[in-house]
Amino acid sequence: MSVRFTALLCLFFAVTVQAQAPRTFSEAKKVAWKLYAPQSTEFYCGCKYTGNRVNLKACGYIPRKNAKRAARIEWEHIVPAWQIGHQRQCWQTGGRKNCTRTDSVYKRAEADLHNLVPSIGEVNGDRSNFSFGWLPAQSGQYGSCLTQVDFKAKKVMPRPSIRGMIARTYFYMSKQYGLRLSKQDRRLYEAWNKTYPAQPWEHQRNQTVACVMGRGNEFVGPVNLKACG
């Protein structure tokens, strides 16, 4: 990974005081805004943003369909809320609203900051609850953005630099909340985890989030909770 790209992905301020873990997705989004620097880099395309506005021209992003949504930041679950919830009984009897209202495990999973990243709104919407996977290499779907979405196959191929983090997030969510992964998905994430090991920016993010959540993602590496303050 280049020094320039590493610098772009050093998203977080150092956190010196341990905060309380968010209890709901709404709380998690508010905390996430505070964790990320005011001028940061979003997840799927590596575009810089200031506040809630994305500098699309600077990163060569061309909106596929929804320019208004493309210009704003949204908070994306790497492991979709649908994937977390549809394996639970609460989802079968009332969907996401019912899980949020009645299932404490789901609420904790939905609010887990290890699974939450800033995303260009259009890509967040296009990703929907699609699973990750390999797709034939194509260019131009979102201009220079290397993440691709196949709507027919309901698959997303993320840009190379975030594949390892995606894999390690899935492993974490699976262990932490009992999320079942298919053999196909597990093989894919094992390959990504090996091919794209955690870089300094991911270790930094893991430490920062751990200071709020009270635990790190062990699949990224160890954290020092005593350093949180």
C-alpha atoms as a PDB file:
ATOM      1  CA  MET A   1       0.000   0.000   0.000  1.00  0.00           C
ATOM      2  CA  SER A   2       1.402   3.405  -0.920  1.00  0.00           C
ATOM      3  CA  VAL A   3       2.265   6.036   1.689  1.00  0.00           C
ATOM      4  CA  ARG A   4      -0.243   8.369   0.047  1.00  0.00           C
ATOM      5  CA  PHE A   5      -3.064   5.880   0.285  1.00  0.00           C
ATOM      6  CA  THR A   6      -2.173   4.974   3.865  1.00  0.00           C
ATOM      7  CA  ALA A   7      -2.398   8.657   4.738  1.00  0.00           C
ATOM      8  CA  LEU A   8      -5.802   8.948   3.118  1.00  0.00           C
ATOM      9  CA  LEU A   9      -7.145   6.070   5.170  1.00  0.00           C
ATOM     10  CA  CYS A  10      -5.865   7.298   8.549  1.00  0.00           C
ATOM     11  CA  LEU A  11      -9.393   8.417   9.318  1.00  0.00           C
ATOM     12  CA  PHE A  12      -9.555   8.709  13.052  1.00  0.00           C
ATOM     13  CA  PHE A  13      -8.576  11.161  15.728  1.00  0.00           C
ATOM     14  CA  ALA A  14      -6.837   9.618  18.718  1.00  0.00           C
ATOM     15  CA  VAL A  15      -9.343   8.893  21.465  1.00  0.00           C
ATOM     16  CA  THR A  16      -7.959   9.377  24.948  1.00  0.00           C
ATOM     17  CA  VAL A  17     -11.138   9.092  26.977  1.00  0.00           C
ATOM     18  CA  GLN A  18     -13.208   5.947  26.851  1.00  0.00           C
ATOM     19  CA  ALA A  19     -16.824   6.708  25.955  1.00  0.00           C
ATOM     20  CA  GLN A  20     -19.909   4.582  26.458  1.00  0.00           C
ATOM     21  CA  ALA A  21     -20.708   2.112  23.692  1.00  0.00           C
ATOM     22  CA  PRO A  22     -23.753   3.184  21.681  1.00  0.00           C
ATOM     23  CA  ARG A  23     -26.958   1.324  22.480  1.00  0.00           C
ATOM     24  CA  THR A  24     -28.811   1.937  19.212  1.00  0.00           C
ATOM     25  CA  PHE A  25     -27.983   2.502  15.548  1.00  0.00           C
ATOM     26  CA  SER A  26     -29.069   6.113  15.924  1.00  0.00           C
ATOM     27  CA  GLU A  27     -26.610   6.611  18.776  1.00  0.00           C
ATOM     28  CA  ALA A  28     -23.896   4.776  16.833  1.00  0.00           C
ATOM     29  CA  LYS A  29     -24.158   7.195  13.909  1.00  0.00           C
ATOM     30  CA  LYS A  30     -23.813  10.179  16.228  1.00  0.00           C
ATOM     31  CA  VAL A  31     -20.741   8.657  17.872  1.00  0.00           C
ATOM     32  CA  ALA A  32     -19.251   7.767  14.483  1.00  0.00           C
ATOM     33  CA  TRP A  33     -19.387  11.386  13.344  1.00  0.00           C
ATOM     34  CA  LYS A  34     -17.302  12.300  16.379  1.00  0.00           C
ATOM     35  CA  LEU A  35     -14.804   9.485  15.878  1.00  0.00           C
ATOM     36  CA  TYR A  36     -13.997  10.323  12.297  1.00  0.00           C
ATOM     37  CA  ALA A  37     -12.026  13.452  11.500  1.00  0.00           C
ATOM     38  CA  PRO A  38     -14.041  16.338   9.990  1.00  0.00           C
ATOM     39  CA  GLN A  39     -12.068  15.834   6.775  1.00  0.00           C
ATOM     40  CA  SER A  40     -11.935  12.123   6.133  1.00  0.00           C
ATOM     41  CA  THR A  41     -12.024   9.448   3.452  1.00  0.00           C
ATOM     42  CA  GLU A  42     -15.112   7.358   2.774  1.00  0.00           C
ATOM     43  CA  PHE A  43     -14.985   3.583   2.553  1.00  0.00           C
ATOM     44  CA  TYR A  44     -16.035   2.217  -0.840  1.00  0.00           C
ATOM     45  CA  CYS A  45     -14.308   4.608  -3.243  1.00  0.00           C
ATOM     46  CA  GLY A  46     -11.648   6.388  -1.200  1.00  0.00           C
ATOM     47  CA  CYS A  47     -13.185   9.812  -1.809  1.00  0.00           C
ATOM     48  CA  LYS A  48     -12.510  12.640   0.631  1.00  0.00           C
ATOM     49  CA  TYR A  49     -15.389  14.352   2.377  1.00  0.00           C
ATOM     50  CA  THR A  50     -15.805  17.395   4.582  1.00  0.00           C
ATOM     51  CA  GLY A  51     -18.689  17.329   7.003  1.00  0.00           C
ATOM     52  CA  ASN A  52     -21.435  15.482   5.138  1.00  0.00           C
ATOM     53  CA  ARG A  53     -20.351  16.511   1.618  1.00  0.00           C
ATOM     54  CA  VAL A  54     -18.202  14.396  -0.682  1.00  0.00           C
ATOM     55  CA  ASN A  55     -15.669  15.907  -3.078  1.00  0.00           C
ATOM     56  CA  LEU A  56     -16.657  13.746  -6.052  1.00  0.00           C
ATOM     57  CA  LYS A  57     -14.625  15.543  -8.700  1.00  0.00           C
ATOM     58  CA  ALA A  58     -11.396  15.240  -6.740  1.00  0.00           C
ATOM     59  CA  CYS A  59     -11.578  11.442  -6.704  1.00  0.00           C
ATOM     60  CA  GLY A  60     -13.027  11.004 -10.195  1.00  0.00           C
ATOM     61  CA  TYR A  61     -16.370   9.704  -8.982  1.00  0.00           C
ATOM     62  CA  ILE A  62     -19.179   9.951 -11.546  1.00  0.00           C
ATOM     63  CA  PRO A  63     -22.700   9.336 -10.200  1.00  0.00           C
ATOM     64  CA  ARG A  64     -24.343   6.296 -11.739  1.00  0.00           C
ATOM     65  CA  LYS A  65     -27.899   7.549 -11.305  1.00  0.00           C
ATOM     66  CA  ASN A  66     -28.423   9.602  -8.146  1.00  0.00           C
ATOM     67  CA  ALA A  67     -26.125  12.627  -8.056  1.00  0.00           C
ATOM     68  CA  LYS A  68     -27.823  14.124  -5.004  1.00  0.00           C
ATOM     69  CA  ARG A  69     -27.339  11.006  -2.904  1.00  0.00           C
ATOM     70  CA  ALA A  70     -23.813  10.526  -4.264  1.00  0.00           C
ATOM     71  CA  ALA A  71     -22.782  13.896  -2.878  1.00  0.00           C
ATOM     72  CA  ARG A  72     -23.544  13.028   0.751  1.00  0.00           C
ATOM     73  CA  ILE A  73     -22.102  10.665   3.338  1.00  0.00           C
ATOM     74  CA  GLU A  74     -24.212   7.876   4.814  1.00  0.00           C
ATOM     75  CA  TRP A  75     -23.283   5.350   7.488  1.00  0.00           C
ATOM     76  CA  GLU A  76     -22.976   1.853   6.086  1.00  0.00           C
ATOM     77  CA  HIS A  77     -23.069  -1.508   7.844  1.00  0.00           C
ATOM     78  CA  ILE A  78     -20.328  -3.678   6.308  1.00  0.00           C
ATOM     79  CA  VAL A  79     -22.368  -6.675   7.424  1.00  0.00           C
ATOM     80  CA  PRO A  80     -25.866  -5.494   6.449  1.00  0.00           C
ATOM     81  CA  ALA A  81     -28.559  -5.153   9.073  1.00  0.00           C
ATOM     82  CA  TRP A  82     -30.618  -7.557   6.941  1.00  0.00           C
ATOM     83  CA  GLN A  83     -27.920 -10.226   7.124  1.00  0.00           C
ATOM     84  CA  ILE A  84     -27.635  -9.823  10.886  1.00  0.00           C
ATOM     85  CA  GLY A  85     -31.372  -9.819  11.455  1.00  0.00           C
ATOM     86  CA  HIS A  86     -32.830 -12.334   9.017  1.00  0.00           C
ATOM     87  CA  GLN A  87     -31.180 -15.202  10.933  1.00  0.00           C
ATOM     88  CA  ARG A  88     -33.017 -14.181  14.084  1.00  0.00           C
ATOM     89  CA  GLN A  89     -36.602 -14.936  15.101  1.00  0.00           C
ATOM     90  CA  CYS A  90     -37.453 -11.271  15.596  1.00  0.00           C
ATOM     91  CA  TRP A  91     -36.943 -10.637  11.872  1.00  0.00           C
ATOM     92  CA  GLN A  92     -39.354 -13.394  10.916  1.00  0.00           C
ATOM     93  CA  THR A  93     -42.144 -11.814  12.943  1.00  0.00           C
ATOM     94  CA  GLY A  94     -41.744  -8.150  12.120  1.00  0.00           C
ATOM     95  CA  GLY A  95     -38.515  -7.366  10.272  1.00  0.00           C
ATOM     96  CA  ARG A  96     -35.951  -4.772  11.278  1.00  0.00           C
ATOM     97  CA  LYS A  97     -38.316  -2.620  13.335  1.00  0.00           C
ATOM     98  CA  ASN A  98     -39.316  -5.590  15.451  1.00  0.00           C
ATOM     99  CA  CYS A  99     -35.682  -6.643  15.973  1.00  0.00           C
ATOM    100  CA  THR A 100     -34.709  -3.118  16.985  1.00  0.00           C
ATOM    101  CA  ARG A 101     -37.601  -3.022  19.436  1.00  0.00           C
ATOM    102  CA  THR A 102     -37.414  -6.508  20.968  1.00  0.00           C
ATOM    103  CA  ASP A 103     -34.037  -8.206  20.393  1.00  0.00           C
ATOM    104  CA  SER A 104     -31.176  -6.954  22.589  1.00  0.00           C
ATOM    105  CA  VAL A 105     -28.530  -8.941  20.685  1.00  0.00           C
ATOM    106  CA  TYR A 106     -29.652  -7.479  17.374  1.00  0.00           C
ATOM    107  CA  LYS A 107     -29.660  -3.957  18.831  1.00  0.00           C
ATOM    108  CA  ARG A 108     -26.052  -4.362  20.002  1.00  0.00           C
ATOM    109  CA  ALA A 109     -25.012  -5.744  16.614  1.00  0.00           C
ATOM    110  CA  GLU A 110     -26.759  -2.951  14.718  1.00  0.00           C
ATOM    111  CA  ALA A 111     -24.979  -0.362  16.879  1.00  0.00           C
ATOM    112  CA  ASP A 112     -21.515  -1.963  16.781  1.00  0.00           C
ATOM    113  CA  LEU A 113     -19.021   0.650  15.557  1.00  0.00           C
ATOM    114  CA  HIS A 114     -16.617  -2.006  14.269  1.00  0.00           C
ATOM    115  CA  ASN A 115     -19.209  -2.688  11.562  1.00  0.00           C
ATOM    116  CA  LEU A 116     -19.962   0.949  10.683  1.00  0.00           C
ATOM    117  CA  VAL A 117     -18.168   3.008   8.028  1.00  0.00           C
ATOM    118  CA  PRO A 118     -18.809   6.258   6.114  1.00  0.00           C
ATOM    119  CA  SER A 119     -19.925   5.661   2.531  1.00  0.00           C
ATOM    120  CA  ILE A 120     -20.940   7.656  -0.516  1.00  0.00           C
ATOM    121  CA  GLY A 121     -24.724   7.591  -0.270  1.00  0.00           C
ATOM    122  CA  GLU A 122     -25.307   6.312  -3.792  1.00  0.00           C
ATOM    123  CA  VAL A 123     -22.944   3.362  -3.326  1.00  0.00           C
ATOM    124  CA  ASN A 124     -24.508   2.617   0.054  1.00  0.00           C
ATOM    125  CA  GLY A 125     -27.924   2.501  -1.590  1.00  0.00           C
ATOM    126  CA  ASP A 126     -26.724   0.428  -4.542  1.00  0.00           C
ATOM    127  CA  ARG A 127     -24.977  -2.060  -2.266  1.00  0.00           C
ATOM    128  CA  SER A 128     -28.262  -2.583  -0.363  1.00  0.00           C
ATOM    129  CA  ASN A 129     -27.979  -5.957   1.389  1.00  0.00           C
ATOM    130  CA  PHE A 130     -26.019  -7.602  -1.442  1.00  0.00           C
ATOM    131  CA  SER A 131     -23.225  -9.976  -0.474  1.00  0.00           C
ATOM    132  CA  PHE A 132     -19.597  -9.428  -1.407  1.00  0.00           C
ATOM    133  CA  GLY A 133     -17.872 -11.528  -4.049  1.00  0.00           C
ATOM    134  CA  TRP A 134     -15.751 -11.620  -7.181  1.00  0.00           C
ATOM    135  CA  LEU A 135     -17.051  -9.959 -10.328  1.00  0.00           C
ATOM    136  CA  PRO A 136     -15.551  -9.615 -13.807  1.00  0.00           C
ATOM    137  CA  ALA A 137     -13.305  -6.565 -13.838  1.00  0.00           C
ATOM    138  CA  GLN A 138     -15.121  -3.578 -15.279  1.00  0.00           C
ATOM    139  CA  SER A 139     -14.560   0.158 -15.132  1.00  0.00           C
ATOM    140  CA  GLY A 140     -16.673   3.251 -15.281  1.00  0.00           C
ATOM    141  CA  GLN A 141     -19.702   2.249 -13.215  1.00  0.00           C
ATOM    142  CA  TYR A 142     -18.878   5.058 -10.800  1.00  0.00           C
ATOM    143  CA  GLY A 143     -16.138   6.770 -12.760  1.00  0.00           C
ATOM    144  CA  SER A 144     -12.765   6.080 -11.129  1.00  0.00           C
ATOM    145  CA  CYS A 145     -14.268   4.233  -8.149  1.00  0.00           C
ATOM    146  CA  LEU A 146     -13.032   0.627  -8.094  1.00  0.00           C
ATOM    147  CA  THR A 147     -16.008  -0.815  -6.201  1.00  0.00           C
ATOM    148  CA  GLN A 148     -18.522  -2.534  -8.495  1.00  0.00           C
ATOM    149  CA  VAL A 149     -22.140  -3.606  -8.056  1.00  0.00           C
ATOM    150  CA  ASP A 150     -23.859  -6.325 -10.088  1.00  0.00           C
ATOM    151  CA  PHE A 151     -27.576  -5.756  -9.582  1.00  0.00           C
ATOM    152  CA  LYS A 152     -28.632  -8.893 -11.433  1.00  0.00           C
ATOM    153  CA  ALA A 153     -26.331 -11.181  -9.453  1.00  0.00           C
ATOM    154  CA  LYS A 154     -26.868  -9.158  -6.248  1.00  0.00           C
ATOM    155  CA  LYS A 155     -23.124  -9.067  -5.661  1.00  0.00           C
ATOM    156  CA  VAL A 156     -20.615  -6.353  -4.813  1.00  0.00           C
ATOM    157  CA  MET A 157     -16.887  -6.478  -5.491  1.00  0.00           C
ATOM    158  CA  PRO A 158     -15.185  -3.917  -3.231  1.00  0.00           C
ATOM    159  CA  ARG A 159     -11.995  -2.130  -4.161  1.00  0.00           C
ATOM    160  CA  PRO A 160      -8.896  -4.162  -3.251  1.00  0.00           C
ATOM    161  CA  SER A 161      -7.705  -1.995  -0.360  1.00  0.00           C
ATOM    162  CA  ILE A 162     -10.768  -2.687   1.797  1.00  0.00           C
ATOM    163  CA  ARG A 163     -11.305  -6.382   1.077  1.00  0.00           C
ATOM    164  CA  GLY A 164      -9.236  -7.515   4.039  1.00  0.00           C
ATOM    165  CA  MET A 165     -11.060  -5.226   6.446  1.00  0.00           C
ATOM    166  CA  ILE A 166     -14.393  -6.478   5.136  1.00  0.00           C
ATOM    167  CA  ALA A 167     -13.311 -10.067   5.759  1.00  0.00           C
ATOM    168  CA  ARG A 168     -12.130  -9.355   9.286  1.00  0.00           C
ATOM    169  CA  THR A 169     -15.331  -7.466  10.068  1.00  0.00           C
ATOM    170  CA  TYR A 170     -17.398 -10.453   8.978  1.00  0.00           C
ATOM    171  CA  PHE A 171     -15.319 -12.777  11.154  1.00  0.00           C
ATOM    172  CA  TYR A 172     -15.755 -10.430  14.115  1.00  0.00           C
ATOM    173  CA  MET A 173     -19.515 -10.080  13.677  1.00  0.00           C
ATOM    174  CA  SER A 174     -19.885 -13.814  13.208  1.00  0.00           C
ATOM    175  CA  LYS A 175     -18.081 -14.595  16.462  1.00  0.00           C
ATOM    176  CA  GLN A 176     -19.507 -11.716  18.484  1.00  0.00           C
ATOM    177  CA  TYR A 177     -23.172 -12.166  17.534  1.00  0.00           C
ATOM    178  CA  GLY A 178     -23.465 -15.752  16.322  1.00  0.00           C
ATOM    179  CA  LEU A 179     -23.822 -14.764  12.672  1.00  0.00           C
ATOM    180  CA  ARG A 180     -23.703 -17.840  10.443  1.00  0.00           C
ATOM    181  CA  LEU A 181     -21.521 -17.588   7.340  1.00  0.00           C
ATOM    182  CA  SER A 182     -21.919 -19.869   4.351  1.00  0.00           C
ATOM    183  CA  LYS A 183     -18.977 -22.060   3.355  1.00  0.00           C
ATOM    184  CA  GLN A 184     -18.622 -20.029   0.180  1.00  0.00           C
ATOM    185  CA  ASP A 185     -18.483 -16.721   2.051  1.00  0.00           C
ATOM    186  CA  ARG A 186     -16.084 -18.065   4.657  1.00  0.00           C
ATOM    187  CA  ARG A 187     -13.691 -19.321   1.980  1.00  0.00           C
ATOM    188  CA  LEU A 188     -13.841 -15.934   0.246  1.00  0.00           C
ATOM    189  CA  TYR A 189     -13.151 -13.994   3.449  1.00  0.00           C
ATOM    190  CA  GLU A 190     -10.340 -16.329   4.463  1.00  0.00           C
ATOM    191  CA  ALA A 191      -8.717 -15.638   1.103  1.00  0.00           C
ATOM    192  CA  TRP A 192      -9.182 -11.879   1.441  1.00  0.00           C
ATOM    193  CA  ASN A 193      -7.903 -11.922   5.015  1.00  0.00           C
ATOM    194  CA  LYS A 194      -4.722 -13.647   3.859  1.00  0.00           C
ATOM    195  CA  THR A 195      -4.222 -11.647   0.669  1.00  0.00           C
ATOM    196  CA  TYR A 196      -4.953  -8.241   2.220  1.00  0.00           C
ATOM    197  CA  PRO A 197      -3.484  -8.183   5.756  1.00  0.00           C
ATOM    198  CA  ALA A 198      -4.353  -5.374   8.150  1.00  0.00           C
ATOM    199  CA  GLN A 199      -2.472  -2.133   7.443  1.00  0.00           C
ATOM    200  CA  PRO A 200      -1.548   0.590   9.978  1.00  0.00           C
ATOM    201  CA  TRP A 201      -4.735   2.575   9.274  1.00  0.00           C
ATOM    202  CA  GLU A 202      -6.876  -0.478  10.111  1.00  0.00           C
ATOM    203  CA  HIS A 203      -4.992  -1.101  13.359  1.00  0.00           C
ATOM    204  CA  GLN A 204      -5.475   2.575  14.247  1.00  0.00           C
ATOM    205  CA  ARG A 205      -9.189   2.350  13.519  1.00  0.00           C
ATOM    206  CA  ASN A 206      -9.459  -0.837  15.597  1.00  0.00           C
ATOM    207  CA  GLN A 207      -7.804   0.857  18.582  1.00  0.00           C
ATOM    208  CA  THR A 208     -10.001   3.941  18.283  1.00  0.00           C
ATOM    209  CA  VAL A 209     -13.253   1.989  18.035  1.00  0.00           C
ATOM    210  CA  ALA A 210     -12.162  -0.289  20.885  1.00  0.00           C
ATOM    211  CA  CYS A 211     -11.876   2.736  23.161  1.00  0.00           C
ATOM    212  CA  VAL A 212     -15.603   3.322  22.678  1.00  0.00           C
ATOM    213  CA  MET A 213     -16.884  -0.246  22.356  1.00  0.00           C
ATOM    214  CA  GLY A 214     -14.722  -1.610  25.164  1.00  0.00           C
ATOM    215  CA  ARG A 215     -13.321  -4.327  22.899  1.00  0.00           C
ATOM    216  CA  GLY A 216     -11.370  -4.551  19.678  1.00  0.00           C
ATOM    217  CA  ASN A 217     -11.723  -6.766  16.650  1.00  0.00           C
ATOM    218  CA  GLU A 218      -9.362  -9.610  17.482  1.00  0.00           C
ATOM    219  CA  PHE A 219      -9.122 -10.553  13.806  1.00  0.00           C
ATOM    220  CA  VAL A 220      -7.424  -7.210  13.134  1.00  0.00           C
ATOM    221  CA  GLY A 221      -5.057  -7.476  16.078  1.00  0.00           C
ATOM    222  CA  PRO A 222      -4.645  -6.654  19.772  1.00  0.00           C
ATOM    223  CA  VAL A 223      -5.716  -3.353  21.307  1.00  0.00           C
ATOM    224  CA  ASN A 224      -4.652  -1.527  24.456  1.00  0.00           C
ATOM    225  CA  LEU A 225      -7.712  -0.448  26.402  1.00  0.00           C
ATOM    226  CA  LYS A 226      -5.499   1.076  29.102  1.00  0.00           C
ATOM    227  CA  ALA A 227      -4.358   3.633  26.528  1.00  0.00           C
ATOM    228  CA  CYS A 228      -7.935   4.900  26.154  1.00  0.00           C
ATOM    229  CA  GLY A 229      -7.672   6.990  29.273  1.00  0.00           C
END
